[in-house]
Amino acid sequence: MRAKLRPDGKEDYAAPAHMVYSSGMKATTIKLDGPILEELMAFKRPDQNLTALVRELLKAQIHRSKMALAAEEYAAFLRENTKESMELDAWASAPLDSESSVRRKKRA
């Protein structure tokens, strides 16, 4: 791959996006303040590159956001459906750690 000169006069060895990313991935660039970049570099595993770390962190944040939204929707559902809420309370208060009061018959 031949280097191209960037507008600042430095050589650019970056591969074109179609050579690096699969067809399902879009390339993007983010700018990070020095302190944030330093924290990310200190946080990443030795075998992990910065792109993989950022992708992992973003996926985790998206998952947390979806779970928080689901929890809010479920809480609203319970407020609107008192029967469901009462059944949930009954299950939550069940004495699961004590022995059953029903005894099984002994085999002969």
PDB file of N, CA and C in Angstrom:
ATOM      1  N   MET A   1       0.843  -1.161   0.000  1.00  0.00           N
ATOM      2  CA  MET A   1       0.000   0.000   0.000  1.00  0.00           C
ATOM      3  C   MET A   1       0.896   1.234   0.000  1.00  0.00           C
ATOM      4  N   ARG A   2       0.611   2.144  -0.867  1.00  0.00           N
ATOM      5  CA  ARG A   2       1.411   3.364  -0.958  1.00  0.00           C
ATOM      6  C   ARG A   2       0.847   4.405  -0.014  1.00  0.00           C
ATOM      7  N   ALA A   3       1.735   5.184   0.555  1.00  0.00           N
ATOM      8  CA  ALA A   3       1.307   6.252   1.449  1.00  0.00           C
ATOM      9  C   ALA A   3       0.826   7.434   0.640  1.00  0.00           C
ATOM     10  N   LYS A   4      -0.220   8.081   1.145  1.00  0.00           N
ATOM     11  CA  LYS A   4      -0.730   9.303   0.553  1.00  0.00           C
ATOM     12  C   LYS A   4      -0.321  10.457   1.450  1.00  0.00           C
ATOM     13  N   LEU A   5      -0.119  11.593   0.871  1.00  0.00           N
ATOM     14  CA  LEU A   5       0.189  12.770   1.672  1.00  0.00           C
ATOM     15  C   LEU A   5      -1.106  13.399   2.147  1.00  0.00           C
ATOM     16  N   ARG A   6      -1.166  13.658   3.443  1.00  0.00           N
ATOM     17  CA  ARG A   6      -2.321  14.341   3.993  1.00  0.00           C
ATOM     18  C   ARG A   6      -2.144  15.836   3.782  1.00  0.00           C
ATOM     19  N   PRO A   7      -3.207  16.617   3.980  1.00  0.00           N
ATOM     20  CA  PRO A   7      -3.091  18.067   3.819  1.00  0.00           C
ATOM     21  C   PRO A   7      -2.019  18.698   4.714  1.00  0.00           C
ATOM     22  N   ASP A   8      -1.720  18.050   5.858  1.00  0.00           N
ATOM     23  CA  ASP A   8      -0.698  18.609   6.748  1.00  0.00           C
ATOM     24  C   ASP A   8       0.717  18.191   6.329  1.00  0.00           C
ATOM     25  N   GLY A   9       0.825  17.461   5.227  1.00  0.00           N
ATOM     26  CA  GLY A   9       2.127  17.068   4.700  1.00  0.00           C
ATOM     27  C   GLY A   9       2.647  15.745   5.211  1.00  0.00           C
ATOM     28  N   LYS A  10       1.967  15.137   6.185  1.00  0.00           N
ATOM     29  CA  LYS A  10       2.403  13.851   6.729  1.00  0.00           C
ATOM     30  C   LYS A  10       1.881  12.727   5.846  1.00  0.00           C
ATOM     31  N   GLU A  11       2.559  11.579   5.903  1.00  0.00           N
ATOM     32  CA  GLU A  11       2.145  10.430   5.105  1.00  0.00           C
ATOM     33  C   GLU A  11       1.008   9.690   5.811  1.00  0.00           C
ATOM     34  N   ASP A  12       0.055   9.241   5.038  1.00  0.00           N
ATOM     35  CA  ASP A  12      -1.088   8.517   5.572  1.00  0.00           C
ATOM     36  C   ASP A  12      -1.066   7.100   5.008  1.00  0.00           C
ATOM     37  N   TYR A  13      -0.898   6.119   5.888  1.00  0.00           N
ATOM     38  CA  TYR A  13      -0.842   4.719   5.481  1.00  0.00           C
ATOM     39  C   TYR A  13      -2.166   4.000   5.719  1.00  0.00           C
ATOM     40  N   ALA A  14      -3.206   4.716   6.051  1.00  0.00           N
ATOM     41  CA  ALA A  14      -4.489   4.088   6.371  1.00  0.00           C
ATOM     42  C   ALA A  14      -5.056   3.372   5.157  1.00  0.00           C
ATOM     43  N   ALA A  15      -5.567   2.191   5.404  1.00  0.00           N
ATOM     44  CA  ALA A  15      -6.197   1.423   4.332  1.00  0.00           C
ATOM     45  C   ALA A  15      -7.584   1.988   4.072  1.00  0.00           C
ATOM     46  N   PRO A  16      -8.046   1.929   2.850  1.00  0.00           N
ATOM     47  CA  PRO A  16      -9.416   2.375   2.570  1.00  0.00           C
ATOM     48  C   PRO A  16     -10.409   1.573   3.404  1.00  0.00           C
ATOM     49  N   ALA A  17     -11.513   2.217   3.791  1.00  0.00           N
ATOM     50  CA  ALA A  17     -12.486   1.583   4.673  1.00  0.00           C
ATOM     51  C   ALA A  17     -12.998   0.258   4.123  1.00  0.00           C
ATOM     52  N   HIS A  18     -13.161   0.145   2.803  1.00  0.00           N
ATOM     53  CA  HIS A  18     -13.694  -1.100   2.250  1.00  0.00           C
ATOM     54  C   HIS A  18     -12.719  -2.261   2.398  1.00  0.00           C
ATOM     55  N   MET A  19     -11.454  -1.980   2.671  1.00  0.00           N
ATOM     56  CA  MET A  19     -10.468  -3.047   2.860  1.00  0.00           C
ATOM     57  C   MET A  19     -10.382  -3.480   4.317  1.00  0.00           C
ATOM     58  N   VAL A  20     -10.819  -2.630   5.242  1.00  0.00           N
ATOM     59  CA  VAL A  20     -10.657  -2.898   6.660  1.00  0.00           C
ATOM     60  C   VAL A  20     -11.933  -3.423   7.306  1.00  0.00           C
ATOM     61  N   TYR A  21     -13.065  -2.872   6.933  1.00  0.00           N
ATOM     62  CA  TYR A  21     -14.319  -3.192   7.597  1.00  0.00           C
ATOM     63  C   TYR A  21     -15.160  -4.133   6.751  1.00  0.00           C
ATOM     64  N   SER A  22     -15.893  -5.007   7.437  1.00  0.00           N
ATOM     65  CA  SER A  22     -16.809  -5.873   6.707  1.00  0.00           C
ATOM     66  C   SER A  22     -17.959  -5.022   6.192  1.00  0.00           C
ATOM     67  N   SER A  23     -18.749  -5.569   5.304  1.00  0.00           N
ATOM     68  CA  SER A  23     -19.823  -4.793   4.690  1.00  0.00           C
ATOM     69  C   SER A  23     -20.864  -4.329   5.712  1.00  0.00           C
ATOM     70  N   GLY A  24     -20.959  -5.000   6.846  1.00  0.00           N
ATOM     71  CA  GLY A  24     -21.935  -4.627   7.858  1.00  0.00           C
ATOM     72  C   GLY A  24     -21.461  -3.540   8.795  1.00  0.00           C
ATOM     73  N   MET A  25     -20.190  -3.193   8.736  1.00  0.00           N
ATOM     74  CA  MET A  25     -19.653  -2.202   9.665  1.00  0.00           C
ATOM     75  C   MET A  25     -19.418  -0.880   8.953  1.00  0.00           C
ATOM     76  N   LYS A  26     -19.787   0.183   9.635  1.00  0.00           N
ATOM     77  CA  LYS A  26     -19.532   1.522   9.120  1.00  0.00           C
ATOM     78  C   LYS A  26     -18.382   2.109   9.923  1.00  0.00           C
ATOM     79  N   ALA A  27     -17.532   2.825   9.257  1.00  0.00           N
ATOM     80  CA  ALA A  27     -16.400   3.454   9.928  1.00  0.00           C
ATOM     81  C   ALA A  27     -16.822   4.825  10.447  1.00  0.00           C
ATOM     82  N   THR A  28     -16.343   5.169  11.608  1.00  0.00           N
ATOM     83  CA  THR A  28     -16.588   6.499  12.159  1.00  0.00           C
ATOM     84  C   THR A  28     -15.354   6.927  12.936  1.00  0.00           C
ATOM     85  N   THR A  29     -15.218   8.192  13.117  1.00  0.00           N
ATOM     86  CA  THR A  29     -14.091   8.734  13.864  1.00  0.00           C
ATOM     87  C   THR A  29     -14.644   9.532  15.032  1.00  0.00           C
ATOM     88  N   ILE A  30     -14.070   9.325  16.208  1.00  0.00           N
ATOM     89  CA  ILE A  30     -14.455  10.146  17.357  1.00  0.00           C
ATOM     90  C   ILE A  30     -13.210  10.846  17.873  1.00  0.00           C
ATOM     91  N   LYS A  31     -13.425  12.014  18.399  1.00  0.00           N
ATOM     92  CA  LYS A  31     -12.326  12.772  18.984  1.00  0.00           C
ATOM     93  C   LYS A  31     -12.484  12.711  20.498  1.00  0.00           C
ATOM     94  N   LEU A  32     -11.403  12.408  21.178  1.00  0.00           N
ATOM     95  CA  LEU A  32     -11.431  12.269  22.630  1.00  0.00           C
ATOM     96  C   LEU A  32     -10.454  13.248  23.259  1.00  0.00           C
ATOM     97  N   ASP A  33     -10.863  13.830  24.375  1.00  0.00           N
ATOM     98  CA  ASP A  33      -9.943  14.675  25.135  1.00  0.00           C
ATOM     99  C   ASP A  33      -8.819  13.815  25.672  1.00  0.00           C
ATOM    100  N   GLY A  34      -7.660  14.416  25.864  1.00  0.00           N
ATOM    101  CA  GLY A  34      -6.491  13.693  26.361  1.00  0.00           C
ATOM    102  C   GLY A  34      -6.752  12.874  27.606  1.00  0.00           C
ATOM    103  N   PRO A  35      -7.366  13.464  28.652  1.00  0.00           N
ATOM    104  CA  PRO A  35      -7.606  12.687  29.878  1.00  0.00           C
ATOM    105  C   PRO A  35      -8.511  11.473  29.647  1.00  0.00           C
ATOM    106  N   ILE A  36      -9.525  11.619  28.793  1.00  0.00           N
ATOM    107  CA  ILE A  36     -10.413  10.487  28.511  1.00  0.00           C
ATOM    108  C   ILE A  36      -9.638   9.396  27.780  1.00  0.00           C
ATOM    109  N   LEU A  37      -8.850   9.795  26.808  1.00  0.00           N
ATOM    110  CA  LEU A  37      -8.049   8.826  26.060  1.00  0.00           C
ATOM    111  C   LEU A  37      -7.067   8.111  26.987  1.00  0.00           C
ATOM    112  N   GLU A  38      -6.441   8.847  27.882  1.00  0.00           N
ATOM    113  CA  GLU A  38      -5.502   8.230  28.831  1.00  0.00           C
ATOM    114  C   GLU A  38      -6.220   7.202  29.711  1.00  0.00           C
ATOM    115  N   GLU A  39      -7.424   7.547  30.186  1.00  0.00           N
ATOM    116  CA  GLU A  39      -8.176   6.604  31.016  1.00  0.00           C
ATOM    117  C   GLU A  39      -8.547   5.357  30.235  1.00  0.00           C
ATOM    118  N   LEU A  40      -8.973   5.543  28.981  1.00  0.00           N
ATOM    119  CA  LEU A  40      -9.321   4.389  28.158  1.00  0.00           C
ATOM    120  C   LEU A  40      -8.106   3.501  27.913  1.00  0.00           C
ATOM    121  N   MET A  41      -6.982   4.106  27.629  1.00  0.00           N
ATOM    122  CA  MET A  41      -5.767   3.331  27.379  1.00  0.00           C
ATOM    123  C   MET A  41      -5.357   2.545  28.626  1.00  0.00           C
ATOM    124  N   ALA A  42      -5.532   3.153  29.797  1.00  0.00           N
ATOM    125  CA  ALA A  42      -5.196   2.469  31.050  1.00  0.00           C
ATOM    126  C   ALA A  42      -6.211   1.375  31.372  1.00  0.00           C
ATOM    127  N   PHE A  43      -7.441   1.551  30.921  1.00  0.00           N
ATOM    128  CA  PHE A  43      -8.534   0.640  31.220  1.00  0.00           C
ATOM    129  C   PHE A  43      -8.534  -0.600  30.332  1.00  0.00           C
ATOM    130  N   LYS A  44      -8.072  -0.478  29.105  1.00  0.00           N
ATOM    131  CA  LYS A  44      -8.161  -1.591  28.160  1.00  0.00           C
ATOM    132  C   LYS A  44      -7.208  -2.719  28.529  1.00  0.00           C
ATOM    133  N   ARG A  45      -7.600  -3.923  28.127  1.00  0.00           N
ATOM    134  CA  ARG A  45      -6.749  -5.088  28.364  1.00  0.00           C
ATOM    135  C   ARG A  45      -5.533  -5.008  27.440  1.00  0.00           C
ATOM    136  N   PRO A  46      -4.427  -5.627  27.797  1.00  0.00           N
ATOM    137  CA  PRO A  46      -3.228  -5.593  26.950  1.00  0.00           C
ATOM    138  C   PRO A  46      -3.454  -6.186  25.553  1.00  0.00           C
ATOM    139  N   ASP A  47      -4.343  -7.166  25.451  1.00  0.00           N
ATOM    140  CA  ASP A  47      -4.598  -7.807  24.153  1.00  0.00           C
ATOM    141  C   ASP A  47      -5.718  -7.122  23.368  1.00  0.00           C
ATOM    142  N   GLN A  48      -6.205  -5.994  23.852  1.00  0.00           N
ATOM    143  CA  GLN A  48      -7.353  -5.317  23.254  1.00  0.00           C
ATOM    144  C   GLN A  48      -6.925  -3.995  22.637  1.00  0.00           C
ATOM    145  N   ASN A  49      -7.444  -3.709  21.437  1.00  0.00           N
ATOM    146  CA  ASN A  49      -7.140  -2.406  20.861  1.00  0.00           C
ATOM    147  C   ASN A  49      -8.212  -1.409  21.281  1.00  0.00           C
ATOM    148  N   LEU A  50      -7.946  -0.146  21.056  1.00  0.00           N
ATOM    149  CA  LEU A  50      -8.834   0.911  21.516  1.00  0.00           C
ATOM    150  C   LEU A  50     -10.211   0.815  20.849  1.00  0.00           C
ATOM    151  N   THR A  51     -10.236   0.489  19.575  1.00  0.00           N
ATOM    152  CA  THR A  51     -11.510   0.369  18.863  1.00  0.00           C
ATOM    153  C   THR A  51     -12.383  -0.712  19.496  1.00  0.00           C
ATOM    154  N   ALA A  52     -11.795  -1.847  19.804  1.00  0.00           N
ATOM    155  CA  ALA A  52     -12.550  -2.939  20.419  1.00  0.00           C
ATOM    156  C   ALA A  52     -13.079  -2.531  21.791  1.00  0.00           C
ATOM    157  N   LEU A  53     -12.272  -1.815  22.560  1.00  0.00           N
ATOM    158  CA  LEU A  53     -12.711  -1.364  23.878  1.00  0.00           C
ATOM    159  C   LEU A  53     -13.887  -0.410  23.755  1.00  0.00           C
ATOM    160  N   VAL A  54     -13.782   0.567  22.870  1.00  0.00           N
ATOM    161  CA  VAL A  54     -14.866   1.542  22.698  1.00  0.00           C
ATOM    162  C   VAL A  54     -16.132   0.839  22.227  1.00  0.00           C
ATOM    163  N   ARG A  55     -15.997  -0.098  21.295  1.00  0.00           N
ATOM    164  CA  ARG A  55     -17.152  -0.854  20.815  1.00  0.00           C
ATOM    165  C   ARG A  55     -17.799  -1.622  21.968  1.00  0.00           C
ATOM    166  N   GLU A  56     -16.986  -2.273  22.797  1.00  0.00           N
ATOM    167  CA  GLU A  56     -17.489  -3.042  23.936  1.00  0.00           C
ATOM    168  C   GLU A  56     -18.207  -2.137  24.940  1.00  0.00           C
ATOM    169  N   LEU A  57     -17.622  -0.980  25.226  1.00  0.00           N
ATOM    170  CA  LEU A  57     -18.237  -0.038  26.163  1.00  0.00           C
ATOM    171  C   LEU A  57     -19.564   0.497  25.627  1.00  0.00           C
ATOM    172  N   LEU A  58     -19.609   0.792  24.340  1.00  0.00           N
ATOM    173  CA  LEU A  58     -20.851   1.285  23.736  1.00  0.00           C
ATOM    174  C   LEU A  58     -21.937   0.220  23.751  1.00  0.00           C
ATOM    175  N   LYS A  59     -21.572  -1.009  23.428  1.00  0.00           N
ATOM    176  CA  LYS A  59     -22.546  -2.101  23.465  1.00  0.00           C
ATOM    177  C   LYS A  59     -23.091  -2.280  24.882  1.00  0.00           C
ATOM    178  N   ALA A  60     -22.213  -2.210  25.873  1.00  0.00           N
ATOM    179  CA  ALA A  60     -22.640  -2.369  27.266  1.00  0.00           C
ATOM    180  C   ALA A  60     -23.576  -1.229  27.670  1.00  0.00           C
ATOM    181  N   GLN A  61     -23.282  -0.013  27.252  1.00  0.00           N
ATOM    182  CA  GLN A  61     -24.136   1.127  27.591  1.00  0.00           C
ATOM    183  C   GLN A  61     -25.498   1.010  26.914  1.00  0.00           C
ATOM    184  N   ILE A  62     -25.510   0.580  25.664  1.00  0.00           N
ATOM    185  CA  ILE A  62     -26.772   0.381  24.954  1.00  0.00           C
ATOM    186  C   ILE A  62     -27.605  -0.688  25.667  1.00  0.00           C
ATOM    187  N   HIS A  63     -26.951  -1.773  26.084  1.00  0.00           N
ATOM    188  CA  HIS A  63     -27.651  -2.839  26.810  1.00  0.00           C
ATOM    189  C   HIS A  63     -28.228  -2.308  28.125  1.00  0.00           C
ATOM    190  N   ARG A  64     -27.422  -1.541  28.887  1.00  0.00           N
ATOM    191  CA  ARG A  64     -27.907  -0.970  30.150  1.00  0.00           C
ATOM    192  C   ARG A  64     -29.117  -0.070  29.907  1.00  0.00           C
ATOM    193  N   SER A  65     -29.055   0.747  28.860  1.00  0.00           N
ATOM    194  CA  SER A  65     -30.168   1.650  28.547  1.00  0.00           C
ATOM    195  C   SER A  65     -31.431   0.872  28.203  1.00  0.00           C
ATOM    196  N   LYS A  66     -31.290  -0.197  27.414  1.00  0.00           N
ATOM    197  CA  LYS A  66     -32.446  -1.029  27.064  1.00  0.00           C
ATOM    198  C   LYS A  66     -33.033  -1.694  28.303  1.00  0.00           C
ATOM    199  N   MET A  67     -32.174  -2.188  29.198  1.00  0.00           N
ATOM    200  CA  MET A  67     -32.657  -2.844  30.403  1.00  0.00           C
ATOM    201  C   MET A  67     -33.351  -1.838  31.334  1.00  0.00           C
ATOM    202  N   ALA A  68     -32.833  -0.630  31.427  1.00  0.00           N
ATOM    203  CA  ALA A  68     -33.461   0.402  32.259  1.00  0.00           C
ATOM    204  C   ALA A  68     -34.834   0.763  31.697  1.00  0.00           C
ATOM    205  N   LEU A  69     -34.939   0.874  30.382  1.00  0.00           N
ATOM    206  CA  LEU A  69     -36.223   1.166  29.753  1.00  0.00           C
ATOM    207  C   LEU A  69     -37.205   0.025  29.983  1.00  0.00           C
ATOM    208  N   ALA A  70     -36.744  -1.214  29.851  1.00  0.00           N
ATOM    209  CA  ALA A  70     -37.605  -2.379  30.092  1.00  0.00           C
ATOM    210  C   ALA A  70     -38.088  -2.389  31.538  1.00  0.00           C
ATOM    211  N   ALA A  71     -37.221  -2.037  32.479  1.00  0.00           N
ATOM    212  CA  ALA A  71     -37.608  -2.000  33.895  1.00  0.00           C
ATOM    213  C   ALA A  71     -38.671  -0.932  34.129  1.00  0.00           C
ATOM    214  N   GLU A  72     -38.508   0.227  33.495  1.00  0.00           N
ATOM    215  CA  GLU A  72     -39.512   1.290  33.625  1.00  0.00           C
ATOM    216  C   GLU A  72     -40.855   0.843  33.043  1.00  0.00           C
ATOM    217  N   GLU A  73     -40.816   0.185  31.887  1.00  0.00           N
ATOM    218  CA  GLU A  73     -42.048  -0.293  31.253  1.00  0.00           C
ATOM    219  C   GLU A  73     -42.719  -1.363  32.111  1.00  0.00           C
ATOM    220  N   TYR A  74     -41.923  -2.237  32.733  1.00  0.00           N
ATOM    221  CA  TYR A  74     -42.491  -3.283  33.580  1.00  0.00           C
ATOM    222  C   TYR A  74     -43.093  -2.674  34.844  1.00  0.00           C
ATOM    223  N   ALA A  75     -42.431  -1.674  35.410  1.00  0.00           N
ATOM    224  CA  ALA A  75     -42.978  -1.001  36.594  1.00  0.00           C
ATOM    225  C   ALA A  75     -44.302  -0.327  36.249  1.00  0.00           C
ATOM    226  N   ALA A  76     -44.385   0.290  35.082  1.00  0.00           N
ATOM    227  CA  ALA A  76     -45.646   0.907  34.640  1.00  0.00           C
ATOM    228  C   ALA A  76     -46.718  -0.165  34.447  1.00  0.00           C
ATOM    229  N   PHE A  77     -46.332  -1.303  33.876  1.00  0.00           N
ATOM    230  CA  PHE A  77     -47.261  -2.425  33.695  1.00  0.00           C
ATOM    231  C   PHE A  77     -47.810  -2.883  35.037  1.00  0.00           C
ATOM    232  N   LEU A  78     -46.934  -3.010  36.039  1.00  0.00           N
ATOM    233  CA  LEU A  78     -47.383  -3.454  37.363  1.00  0.00           C
ATOM    234  C   LEU A  78     -48.301  -2.427  38.017  1.00  0.00           C
ATOM    235  N   ARG A  79     -48.032  -1.138  37.802  1.00  0.00           N
ATOM    236  CA  ARG A  79     -48.913  -0.107  38.359  1.00  0.00           C
ATOM    237  C   ARG A  79     -50.314  -0.187  37.727  1.00  0.00           C
ATOM    238  N   GLU A  80     -50.366  -0.513  36.442  1.00  0.00           N
ATOM    239  CA  GLU A  80     -51.640  -0.578  35.717  1.00  0.00           C
ATOM    240  C   GLU A  80     -52.359  -1.910  35.939  1.00  0.00           C
ATOM    241  N   ASN A  81     -51.653  -2.954  36.325  1.00  0.00           N
ATOM    242  CA  ASN A  81     -52.228  -4.291  36.499  1.00  0.00           C
ATOM    243  C   ASN A  81     -52.015  -4.749  37.932  1.00  0.00           C
ATOM    244  N   THR A  82     -52.932  -4.344  38.796  1.00  0.00           N
ATOM    245  CA  THR A  82     -52.761  -4.618  40.226  1.00  0.00           C
ATOM    246  C   THR A  82     -52.783  -6.108  40.542  1.00  0.00           C
ATOM    247  N   LYS A  83     -53.566  -6.890  39.775  1.00  0.00           N
ATOM    248  CA  LYS A  83     -53.615  -8.340  40.030  1.00  0.00           C
ATOM    249  C   LYS A  83     -52.227  -8.954  39.819  1.00  0.00           C
ATOM    250  N   GLU A  84     -51.578  -8.570  38.731  1.00  0.00           N
ATOM    251  CA  GLU A  84     -50.222  -9.064  38.443  1.00  0.00           C
ATOM    252  C   GLU A  84     -49.263  -8.636  39.555  1.00  0.00           C
ATOM    253  N   SER A  85     -49.418  -7.411  40.009  1.00  0.00           N
ATOM    254  CA  SER A  85     -48.562  -6.894  41.078  1.00  0.00           C
ATOM    255  C   SER A  85     -48.762  -7.671  42.371  1.00  0.00           C
ATOM    256  N   MET A  86     -50.016  -7.996  42.693  1.00  0.00           N
ATOM    257  CA  MET A  86     -50.297  -8.758  43.919  1.00  0.00           C
ATOM    258  C   MET A  86     -49.733 -10.172  43.823  1.00  0.00           C
ATOM    259  N   GLU A  87     -49.843 -10.797  42.643  1.00  0.00           N
ATOM    260  CA  GLU A  87     -49.276 -12.139  42.478  1.00  0.00           C
ATOM    261  C   GLU A  87     -47.754 -12.113  42.611  1.00  0.00           C
ATOM    262  N   LEU A  88     -47.150 -11.079  42.092  1.00  0.00           N
ATOM    263  CA  LEU A  88     -45.699 -10.932  42.211  1.00  0.00           C
ATOM    264  C   LEU A  88     -45.299 -10.766  43.674  1.00  0.00           C
ATOM    265  N   ASP A  89     -46.073  -9.980  44.422  1.00  0.00           N
ATOM    266  CA  ASP A  89     -45.800  -9.804  45.860  1.00  0.00           C
ATOM    267  C   ASP A  89     -45.940 -11.126  46.607  1.00  0.00           C
ATOM    268  N   ALA A  90     -46.941 -11.925  46.216  1.00  0.00           N
ATOM    269  CA  ALA A  90     -47.142 -13.233  46.865  1.00  0.00           C
ATOM    270  C   ALA A  90     -45.945 -14.142  46.611  1.00  0.00           C
ATOM    271  N   TRP A  91     -45.450 -14.153  45.385  1.00  0.00           N
ATOM    272  CA  TRP A  91     -44.274 -14.962  45.070  1.00  0.00           C
ATOM    273  C   TRP A  91     -43.051 -14.459  45.830  1.00  0.00           C
ATOM    274  N   ALA A  92     -42.903 -13.157  45.910  1.00  0.00           N
ATOM    275  CA  ALA A  92     -41.739 -12.585  46.581  1.00  0.00           C
ATOM    276  C   ALA A  92     -41.736 -12.884  48.074  1.00  0.00           C
ATOM    277  N   SER A  93     -42.933 -13.009  48.670  1.00  0.00           N
ATOM    278  CA  SER A  93     -42.997 -13.260  50.110  1.00  0.00           C
ATOM    279  C   SER A  93     -43.091 -14.745  50.450  1.00  0.00           C
ATOM    280  N   ALA A  94     -43.044 -15.604  49.462  1.00  0.00           N
ATOM    281  CA  ALA A  94     -43.130 -17.046  49.712  1.00  0.00           C
ATOM    282  C   ALA A  94     -41.917 -17.510  50.518  1.00  0.00           C
ATOM    283  N   PRO A  95     -42.147 -18.354  51.529  1.00  0.00           N
ATOM    284  CA  PRO A  95     -41.044 -18.838  52.375  1.00  0.00           C
ATOM    285  C   PRO A  95     -40.279 -19.978  51.683  1.00  0.00           C
ATOM    286  N   LEU A  96     -39.468 -19.645  50.753  1.00  0.00           N
ATOM    287  CA  LEU A  96     -38.766 -20.649  49.964  1.00  0.00           C
ATOM    288  C   LEU A  96     -37.623 -21.319  50.721  1.00  0.00           C
ATOM    289  N   ASP A  97     -37.124 -20.680  51.765  1.00  0.00           N
ATOM    290  CA  ASP A  97     -35.992 -21.252  52.482  1.00  0.00           C
ATOM    291  C   ASP A  97     -36.413 -22.156  53.643  1.00  0.00           C
ATOM    292  N   SER A  98     -37.712 -22.243  53.921  1.00  0.00           N
ATOM    293  CA  SER A  98     -38.159 -23.127  54.999  1.00  0.00           C
ATOM    294  C   SER A  98     -38.653 -24.447  54.413  1.00  0.00           C
ATOM    295  N   GLU A  99     -38.741 -25.451  55.268  1.00  0.00           N
ATOM    296  CA  GLU A  99     -39.166 -26.761  54.803  1.00  0.00           C
ATOM    297  C   GLU A  99     -40.659 -26.757  54.504  1.00  0.00           C
ATOM    298  N   SER A 100     -41.041 -27.531  53.542  1.00  0.00           N
ATOM    299  CA  SER A 100     -42.433 -27.630  53.151  1.00  0.00           C
ATOM    300  C   SER A 100     -43.252 -28.250  54.269  1.00  0.00           C
ATOM    301  N   SER A 101     -44.498 -27.788  54.427  1.00  0.00           N
ATOM    302  CA  SER A 101     -45.373 -28.350  55.458  1.00  0.00           C
ATOM    303  C   SER A 101     -46.074 -29.609  54.954  1.00  0.00           C
ATOM    304  N   VAL A 102     -45.970 -29.867  53.671  1.00  0.00           N
ATOM    305  CA  VAL A 102     -46.578 -31.069  53.098  1.00  0.00           C
ATOM    306  C   VAL A 102     -45.538 -32.182  53.119  1.00  0.00           C
ATOM    307  N   ARG A 103     -45.940 -33.326  53.692  1.00  0.00           N
ATOM    308  CA  ARG A 103     -45.002 -34.450  53.771  1.00  0.00           C
ATOM    309  C   ARG A 103     -45.367 -35.487  52.741  1.00  0.00           C
ATOM    310  N   ARG A 104     -44.339 -36.089  52.182  1.00  0.00           N
ATOM    311  CA  ARG A 104     -44.588 -37.167  51.223  1.00  0.00           C
ATOM    312  C   ARG A 104     -44.754 -38.479  51.979  1.00  0.00           C
ATOM    313  N   LYS A 105     -45.535 -39.380  51.366  1.00  0.00           N
ATOM    314  CA  LYS A 105     -45.723 -40.700  51.956  1.00  0.00           C
ATOM    315  C   LYS A 105     -44.448 -41.511  51.768  1.00  0.00           C
ATOM    316  N   LYS A 106     -44.156 -42.308  52.766  1.00  0.00           N
ATOM    317  CA  LYS A 106     -42.998 -43.182  52.671  1.00  0.00           C
ATOM    318  C   LYS A 106     -43.320 -44.367  51.798  1.00  0.00           C
ATOM    319  N   ARG A 107     -42.349 -44.783  51.051  1.00  0.00           N
ATOM    320  CA  ARG A 107     -42.545 -45.967  50.190  1.00  0.00           C
ATOM    321  C   ARG A 107     -42.464 -47.226  51.041  1.00  0.00           C
ATOM    322  N   ALA A 108     -43.282 -48.187  50.693  1.00  0.00           N
ATOM    323  CA  ALA A 108     -43.322 -49.430  51.452  1.00  0.00           C
ATOM    324  C   ALA A 108     -42.193 -50.355  51.103  1.00  0.00           C
TER     325      ALA A 108
END
